[in-house]
Amino acid sequence: MNKLYNNSIKKGARIRVLATGEIGTVAEKQLIRKGGETKIYCRVKLDKKPEQDTWYFSDQLGDTKESAFITFCDNTDKKIIVGVEIDHEKDCVSNLKVAGMPDKPEKHQGLYRYLATTFIQVFKDSRPCTSPQ
C-alpha cells in the first residue's frame, strides 16, 4: 500500500521522468487498474514542452534529486565511502560526502585512496553548481 500512495508524487510536485531525464510538474493524478493492479497515473507538464499532454505511471517518475554511494576499499578493512547527490533541476552535484574507515585520512594509502580522490575531483569538475548572481 505504501508504494501505491507515494507522498512525493502530489499534484504540483516537481518530478523527473526516469526514462528521458526531463523535468516537469505533476498536473493531475488518477488511479488506474492495469493488469489486475491499481496504479497511479500522472499527467505531467514538462518544462520544455508544457503544451504537450504527457501521462506516466508513478513508477516511471522520480525525484529531481538523486543520490548514490560508492565504496572504495583495499584488501584489508580500510575503505572510503563517497556519497553523491545530483540535483537534476540545477544539473549539478548538490551534495558530496566522504567518510572513511578508519576516520583519519592519513591512515588511507594506496590505489583505493587514489581512485577515490580522482573520482571525487573528476565528478566535482564535471557537474559544478553555479550559484545565480
Protein backbone atom coordinates (compact mmCIF):
# COMPACT_ATOMS: atom_id res chain seq x y z
CA MET A 1 0.00 0.00 0.00
CA ASN A 2 2.79 2.46 0.80
CA LYS A 3 4.13 2.08 -2.72
CA LEU A 4 0.74 2.89 -4.25
CA TYR A 5 0.22 6.12 -2.35
CA ASN A 6 3.67 7.65 -2.77
CA ASN A 7 3.55 11.01 -0.95
CA SER A 8 6.31 12.57 -3.04
CA ILE A 9 4.10 12.50 -6.12
CA LYS A 10 1.46 15.07 -5.27
CA LYS A 11 -0.25 17.49 -7.58
CA GLY A 12 2.20 20.35 -8.16
CA ALA A 13 5.26 18.27 -7.22
CA ARG A 14 8.45 18.72 -9.25
CA ILE A 15 9.49 15.40 -10.79
CA ARG A 16 11.91 13.84 -13.27
CA VAL A 17 10.88 11.37 -15.97
CA LEU A 18 13.26 8.47 -15.36
CA ALA A 19 13.45 7.29 -18.98
CA THR A 20 14.29 10.66 -20.53
CA GLY A 21 15.58 12.78 -17.63
CA GLU A 22 13.09 15.55 -18.44
CA ILE A 23 11.91 17.77 -15.56
CA GLY A 24 8.27 18.71 -15.06
CA THR A 25 5.39 19.26 -12.67
CA VAL A 26 2.57 16.85 -11.78
CA ALA A 27 -0.66 18.45 -13.02
CA GLU A 28 -3.12 15.66 -12.26
CA LYS A 29 -3.27 12.16 -10.75
CA GLN A 30 -5.63 9.27 -11.40
CA LEU A 31 -5.89 5.70 -10.13
CA ILE A 32 -5.96 3.20 -13.00
CA ARG A 33 -6.33 -0.60 -12.97
CA LYS A 34 -3.75 -2.28 -15.18
CA GLY A 35 -3.02 -6.00 -15.21
CA GLY A 36 -5.11 -6.57 -12.09
CA GLU A 37 -3.17 -3.91 -10.14
CA THR A 38 -4.18 -0.40 -9.18
CA LYS A 39 -1.56 2.13 -10.26
CA ILE A 40 -1.18 5.90 -10.10
CA TYR A 41 -1.24 7.59 -13.49
CA CYS A 42 0.07 11.18 -13.56
CA ARG A 43 -0.32 13.93 -16.12
CA VAL A 44 2.96 15.81 -16.25
CA LYS A 45 3.60 19.27 -17.65
CA LEU A 46 7.17 19.09 -18.92
CA ASP A 47 9.27 22.25 -18.59
CA LYS A 48 10.47 22.06 -22.21
CA LYS A 49 7.06 21.14 -23.70
CA PRO A 50 4.30 22.43 -21.37
CA GLU A 51 1.65 22.28 -24.11
CA GLN A 52 2.23 18.55 -24.69
CA ASP A 53 -0.21 16.19 -22.94
CA THR A 54 2.05 13.61 -21.27
CA TRP A 55 0.93 10.83 -18.93
CA TYR A 56 3.19 8.49 -16.95
CA PHE A 57 2.72 5.80 -14.33
CA SER A 58 4.17 6.90 -10.99
CA ASP A 59 6.88 4.23 -11.12
CA GLN A 60 8.22 5.96 -14.25
CA LEU A 61 8.73 9.19 -12.30
CA GLY A 62 11.38 10.11 -9.76
CA ASP A 63 12.55 12.93 -7.55
CA THR A 64 14.55 15.79 -9.04
CA LYS A 65 17.39 14.86 -6.67
CA GLU A 66 19.10 11.50 -6.87
CA SER A 67 21.80 10.00 -4.68
CA ALA A 68 24.25 7.11 -4.79
CA PHE A 69 27.03 5.73 -2.63
CA ILE A 70 30.33 4.38 -3.94
CA THR A 71 32.72 2.37 -1.77
CA PHE A 72 36.45 2.22 -2.49
CA CYS A 73 38.28 -0.42 -0.45
CA ASP A 74 41.55 -2.31 -0.34
CA ASN A 75 42.15 -5.96 0.54
CA THR A 76 42.01 -5.13 4.26
CA ASP A 77 39.12 -3.50 6.12
CA LYS A 78 40.10 0.04 5.08
CA LYS A 79 37.58 1.82 2.88
CA ILE A 80 36.42 5.21 1.69
CA ILE A 81 32.71 5.78 1.10
CA VAL A 82 31.65 8.60 -1.21
CA GLY A 83 28.04 9.81 -1.19
CA VAL A 84 26.95 11.84 -4.19
CA GLU A 85 23.67 13.73 -4.64
CA ILE A 86 22.77 15.20 -8.03
CA ASP A 87 20.16 17.92 -8.43
CA HIS A 88 18.73 17.32 -11.91
CA GLU A 89 16.88 20.67 -11.92
CA LYS A 90 20.13 22.60 -11.48
CA ASP A 91 22.13 19.93 -13.37
CA CYS A 92 24.87 19.78 -10.77
CA VAL A 93 26.29 17.89 -7.81
CA SER A 94 24.30 19.31 -4.91
CA ASN A 95 25.93 17.28 -2.13
CA LEU A 96 29.14 15.29 -1.83
CA LYS A 97 30.04 13.47 1.37
CA VAL A 98 33.12 11.41 2.12
CA ALA A 99 33.56 9.01 5.02
CA GLY A 100 36.48 6.74 5.76
CA MET A 101 37.10 3.72 7.90
CA PRO A 102 39.33 4.46 9.78
CA ASP A 103 38.32 8.13 10.19
CA LYS A 104 41.81 9.62 9.93
CA PRO A 105 42.70 10.48 6.29
CA GLU A 106 46.43 9.84 6.85
CA LYS A 107 45.61 6.15 7.52
CA HIS A 108 44.43 5.72 3.93
CA GLN A 109 47.10 4.95 1.36
CA GLY A 110 47.31 3.08 -1.89
CA LEU A 111 45.28 2.58 -5.01
CA TYR A 112 41.81 2.80 -3.42
CA ARG A 113 42.65 6.25 -2.00
CA TYR A 114 43.98 7.41 -5.36
CA LEU A 115 40.84 6.14 -7.14
CA ALA A 116 38.54 7.79 -4.58
CA THR A 117 40.27 11.19 -4.77
CA THR A 118 40.40 11.05 -8.59
CA PHE A 119 36.70 10.13 -8.77
CA ILE A 120 35.72 12.95 -6.41
CA GLN A 121 37.75 15.55 -8.34
CA VAL A 122 36.51 14.48 -11.76
CA PHE A 123 32.91 14.28 -10.58
CA LYS A 124 33.01 17.74 -8.98
CA ASP A 125 34.61 19.25 -12.10
CA SER A 126 32.11 17.63 -14.49
CA ARG A 127 28.93 18.95 -12.84
CA PRO A 128 29.72 22.06 -10.80
CA CYS A 129 26.89 24.04 -9.25
CA THR A 130 26.86 27.63 -10.33
CA SER A 131 25.08 29.95 -7.94
CA PRO A 132 22.84 32.58 -9.58
CA GLN A 133 24.27 36.06 -9.11
